[in-house]
Each structure stands twice: as C-alpha cells, then as structure tokens.
Amino acid sequence: CVGCVWLVGVITHLLLTGVSLFRCVNDADTLDKVKSGSYTLSTKISDLARDFISKLLIFNSNDRLDVISALQHPWLQFGEDIPAGTNQINTDSLRNYYNNLKYDF
C-alpha cells in the first residue's frame, strides 16, 4: 500500500518526537499542509531516522520508498544492533501531544 508507507513516515516521526508534522488548528489547514508536502523534521532524532522518514514522505508515490525498501533501510537495520536499555526515547513530548489532542474534540 503506497499510501500506507507515507503514513508510516508520519507516525514514525510522531512516535519518536511527540510532534505531528502536519497537524494544524483545523482539518482544512491540516489537509492544505499535507497537500503542500511541506514539513520540518525534528533535529532531536538521528540523521538515519530523518533519512528514513523523509524517504517515506516523498509526495510523488513513484519516488517514495516501497515497503521492501523501507524495511531494508539502514535505520531499521541499525536498531537490531542496539543493546537493550542503552538508547531510550523520552516520551514526555508524546504524552503532551496526546493530552493536548484529547481536549481538541
């Protein structure tokens, strides 16, 4: 699913940073931002993570990573070599995102 790969990029950034790349105050503005393809990746994540996400978020689906290529990306391969407990992700931003989101409805 080509669109699903794009969505994995959005969700990956959200899970790593707690920041939505496209979220705006209302649905129309969010949709406009998605259609424009403009976003800024967090500098709080590794270069490999930013490379992975940016290759999933390419607007033209023909140029975007496919599922097989995404699974073979070095960032995902790198994760298998990290010893458990040595690189923990701070989840405060994600918790704050969730708490703010539930009050928007």
C-alpha atoms as a PDB file:
ATOM      1  CA  CYS A   1       0.000   0.000   0.000  1.00  0.00           C
ATOM      2  CA  VAL A   2       1.759   3.124  -1.253  1.00  0.00           C
ATOM      3  CA  GLY A   3      -0.254   5.500   0.933  1.00  0.00           C
ATOM      4  CA  CYS A   4       0.385   3.307   3.948  1.00  0.00           C
ATOM      5  CA  VAL A   5       4.146   3.803   3.556  1.00  0.00           C
ATOM      6  CA  TRP A   6       3.631   7.589   3.681  1.00  0.00           C
ATOM      7  CA  LEU A   7       1.545   7.161   6.820  1.00  0.00           C
ATOM      8  CA  VAL A   8       4.314   5.098   8.446  1.00  0.00           C
ATOM      9  CA  GLY A   9       6.593   8.119   7.981  1.00  0.00           C
ATOM     10  CA  VAL A  10       4.102  10.421   9.701  1.00  0.00           C
ATOM     11  CA  ILE A  11       3.540   8.001  12.579  1.00  0.00           C
ATOM     12  CA  THR A  12       7.256   7.254  12.981  1.00  0.00           C
ATOM     13  CA  HIS A  13       8.020  10.957  13.412  1.00  0.00           C
ATOM     14  CA  LEU A  14       5.150  11.338  15.865  1.00  0.00           C
ATOM     15  CA  LEU A  15       6.278   8.352  17.947  1.00  0.00           C
ATOM     16  CA  LEU A  16       9.907   9.463  18.048  1.00  0.00           C
ATOM     17  CA  THR A  17       9.262  13.131  18.803  1.00  0.00           C
ATOM     18  CA  GLY A  18       5.710  13.590  20.037  1.00  0.00           C
ATOM     19  CA  VAL A  19       5.299  16.190  17.283  1.00  0.00           C
ATOM     20  CA  SER A  20       2.849  15.907  14.426  1.00  0.00           C
ATOM     21  CA  LEU A  21       4.358  17.031  11.131  1.00  0.00           C
ATOM     22  CA  PHE A  22       1.093  18.224   9.613  1.00  0.00           C
ATOM     23  CA  ARG A  23      -1.327  18.938  12.466  1.00  0.00           C
ATOM     24  CA  CYS A  24      -2.922  22.374  12.367  1.00  0.00           C
ATOM     25  CA  VAL A  25      -5.727  24.086  14.237  1.00  0.00           C
ATOM     26  CA  ASN A  26      -8.394  22.689  11.925  1.00  0.00           C
ATOM     27  CA  ASP A  27      -8.836  19.907   9.391  1.00  0.00           C
ATOM     28  CA  ALA A  28      -8.813  22.207   6.347  1.00  0.00           C
ATOM     29  CA  ASP A  29      -5.428  23.701   7.297  1.00  0.00           C
ATOM     30  CA  THR A  30      -4.052  20.238   8.072  1.00  0.00           C
ATOM     31  CA  LEU A  31      -5.164  18.977   4.669  1.00  0.00           C
ATOM     32  CA  ASP A  32      -3.607  22.004   2.952  1.00  0.00           C
ATOM     33  CA  LYS A  33      -0.334  21.347   4.764  1.00  0.00           C
ATOM     34  CA  VAL A  34      -0.392  17.667   3.740  1.00  0.00           C
ATOM     35  CA  LYS A  35      -1.128  18.588   0.110  1.00  0.00           C
ATOM     36  CA  SER A  36       1.720  21.104   0.043  1.00  0.00           C
ATOM     37  CA  GLY A  37       4.119  18.450   1.310  1.00  0.00           C
ATOM     38  CA  SER A  38       5.863  20.983   3.492  1.00  0.00           C
ATOM     39  CA  TYR A  39       7.179  19.798   6.813  1.00  0.00           C
ATOM     40  CA  THR A  40      10.209  20.166   9.048  1.00  0.00           C
ATOM     41  CA  LEU A  41      11.707  17.076  10.621  1.00  0.00           C
ATOM     42  CA  SER A  42      12.827  17.299  14.220  1.00  0.00           C
ATOM     43  CA  THR A  43      16.533  17.688  14.850  1.00  0.00           C
ATOM     44  CA  LYS A  44      16.101  15.660  18.041  1.00  0.00           C
ATOM     45  CA  ILE A  45      16.212  12.408  16.081  1.00  0.00           C
ATOM     46  CA  SER A  46      19.186  10.791  14.383  1.00  0.00           C
ATOM     47  CA  ASP A  47      20.266  11.512  10.831  1.00  0.00           C
ATOM     48  CA  LEU A  48      19.330   7.944   9.875  1.00  0.00           C
ATOM     49  CA  ALA A  49      15.839   8.355  11.353  1.00  0.00           C
ATOM     50  CA  ARG A  50      15.363  11.652   9.480  1.00  0.00           C
ATOM     51  CA  ASP A  51      16.564   9.995   6.266  1.00  0.00           C
ATOM     52  CA  PHE A  52      14.115   7.101   6.753  1.00  0.00           C
ATOM     53  CA  ILE A  53      11.168   9.392   7.449  1.00  0.00           C
ATOM     54  CA  SER A  54      11.972  11.810   4.623  1.00  0.00           C
ATOM     55  CA  LYS A  55      12.145   8.955   2.104  1.00  0.00           C
ATOM     56  CA  LEU A  56       8.693   7.790   3.221  1.00  0.00           C
ATOM     57  CA  LEU A  57       7.183  11.270   2.978  1.00  0.00           C
ATOM     58  CA  ILE A  58       8.089  11.956  -0.650  1.00  0.00           C
ATOM     59  CA  PHE A  59       4.975  13.414  -2.245  1.00  0.00           C
ATOM     60  CA  ASN A  60       5.245  11.533  -5.559  1.00  0.00           C
ATOM     61  CA  SER A  61       4.452   7.910  -4.720  1.00  0.00           C
ATOM     62  CA  ASN A  62       6.635   6.685  -7.604  1.00  0.00           C
ATOM     63  CA  ASP A  63       9.688   8.217  -5.914  1.00  0.00           C
ATOM     64  CA  ARG A  64       8.758   7.117  -2.381  1.00  0.00           C
ATOM     65  CA  LEU A  65      10.303   4.042  -0.747  1.00  0.00           C
ATOM     66  CA  ASP A  66       8.240   0.914  -1.240  1.00  0.00           C
ATOM     67  CA  VAL A  67       7.600  -1.467   1.651  1.00  0.00           C
ATOM     68  CA  ILE A  68      10.518  -3.780   0.872  1.00  0.00           C
ATOM     69  CA  SER A  69      12.992  -0.899   0.516  1.00  0.00           C
ATOM     70  CA  ALA A  70      11.672   0.722   3.698  1.00  0.00           C
ATOM     71  CA  LEU A  71      12.213  -2.490   5.650  1.00  0.00           C
ATOM     72  CA  GLN A  72      15.780  -2.623   4.327  1.00  0.00           C
ATOM     73  CA  HIS A  73      16.581   0.980   5.278  1.00  0.00           C
ATOM     74  CA  PRO A  74      19.746   1.271   7.424  1.00  0.00           C
ATOM     75  CA  TRP A  75      17.835   2.960  10.267  1.00  0.00           C
ATOM     76  CA  LEU A  76      15.706  -0.154  10.768  1.00  0.00           C
ATOM     77  CA  GLN A  77      18.733  -2.413  10.401  1.00  0.00           C
ATOM     78  CA  PHE A  78      20.677  -0.303  12.909  1.00  0.00           C
ATOM     79  CA  GLY A  79      18.025  -0.958  15.552  1.00  0.00           C
ATOM     80  CA  GLU A  80      18.860  -4.637  15.679  1.00  0.00           C
ATOM     81  CA  ASP A  81      22.390  -3.842  16.906  1.00  0.00           C
ATOM     82  CA  ILE A  82      21.460  -1.563  19.819  1.00  0.00           C
ATOM     83  CA  PRO A  83      21.767  -3.289  23.213  1.00  0.00           C
ATOM     84  CA  ALA A  84      18.549  -3.118  25.227  1.00  0.00           C
ATOM     85  CA  GLY A  85      18.193  -0.111  27.528  1.00  0.00           C
ATOM     86  CA  THR A  86      21.059   1.936  26.049  1.00  0.00           C
ATOM     87  CA  ASN A  87      19.044   4.325  23.924  1.00  0.00           C
ATOM     88  CA  GLN A  88      15.712   5.235  25.470  1.00  0.00           C
ATOM     89  CA  ILE A  89      13.299   7.680  23.908  1.00  0.00           C
ATOM     90  CA  ASN A  90      11.931  10.471  26.081  1.00  0.00           C
ATOM     91  CA  THR A  91       8.148  10.119  25.856  1.00  0.00           C
ATOM     92  CA  ASP A  92       7.231  13.432  27.518  1.00  0.00           C
ATOM     93  CA  SER A  93       6.529  15.129  24.164  1.00  0.00           C
ATOM     94  CA  LEU A  94       4.320  12.254  23.033  1.00  0.00           C
ATOM     95  CA  ARG A  95       2.433  12.314  26.339  1.00  0.00           C
ATOM     96  CA  ASN A  96       1.907  16.086  25.981  1.00  0.00           C
ATOM     97  CA  TYR A  97       0.747  15.646  22.375  1.00  0.00           C
ATOM     98  CA  TYR A  98      -1.814  13.046  23.446  1.00  0.00           C
ATOM     99  CA  ASN A  99      -3.055  15.142  26.354  1.00  0.00           C
ATOM    100  CA  ASN A 100      -3.490  18.211  24.126  1.00  0.00           C
ATOM    101  CA  LEU A 101      -5.178  16.154  21.403  1.00  0.00           C
ATOM    102  CA  LYS A 102      -7.925  14.779  23.641  1.00  0.00           C
ATOM    103  CA  TYR A 103      -9.035  18.313  24.513  1.00  0.00           C
ATOM    104  CA  ASP A 104      -9.324  19.394  20.875  1.00  0.00           C
ATOM    105  CA  PHE A 105     -12.523  17.408  20.304  1.00  0.00           C
END
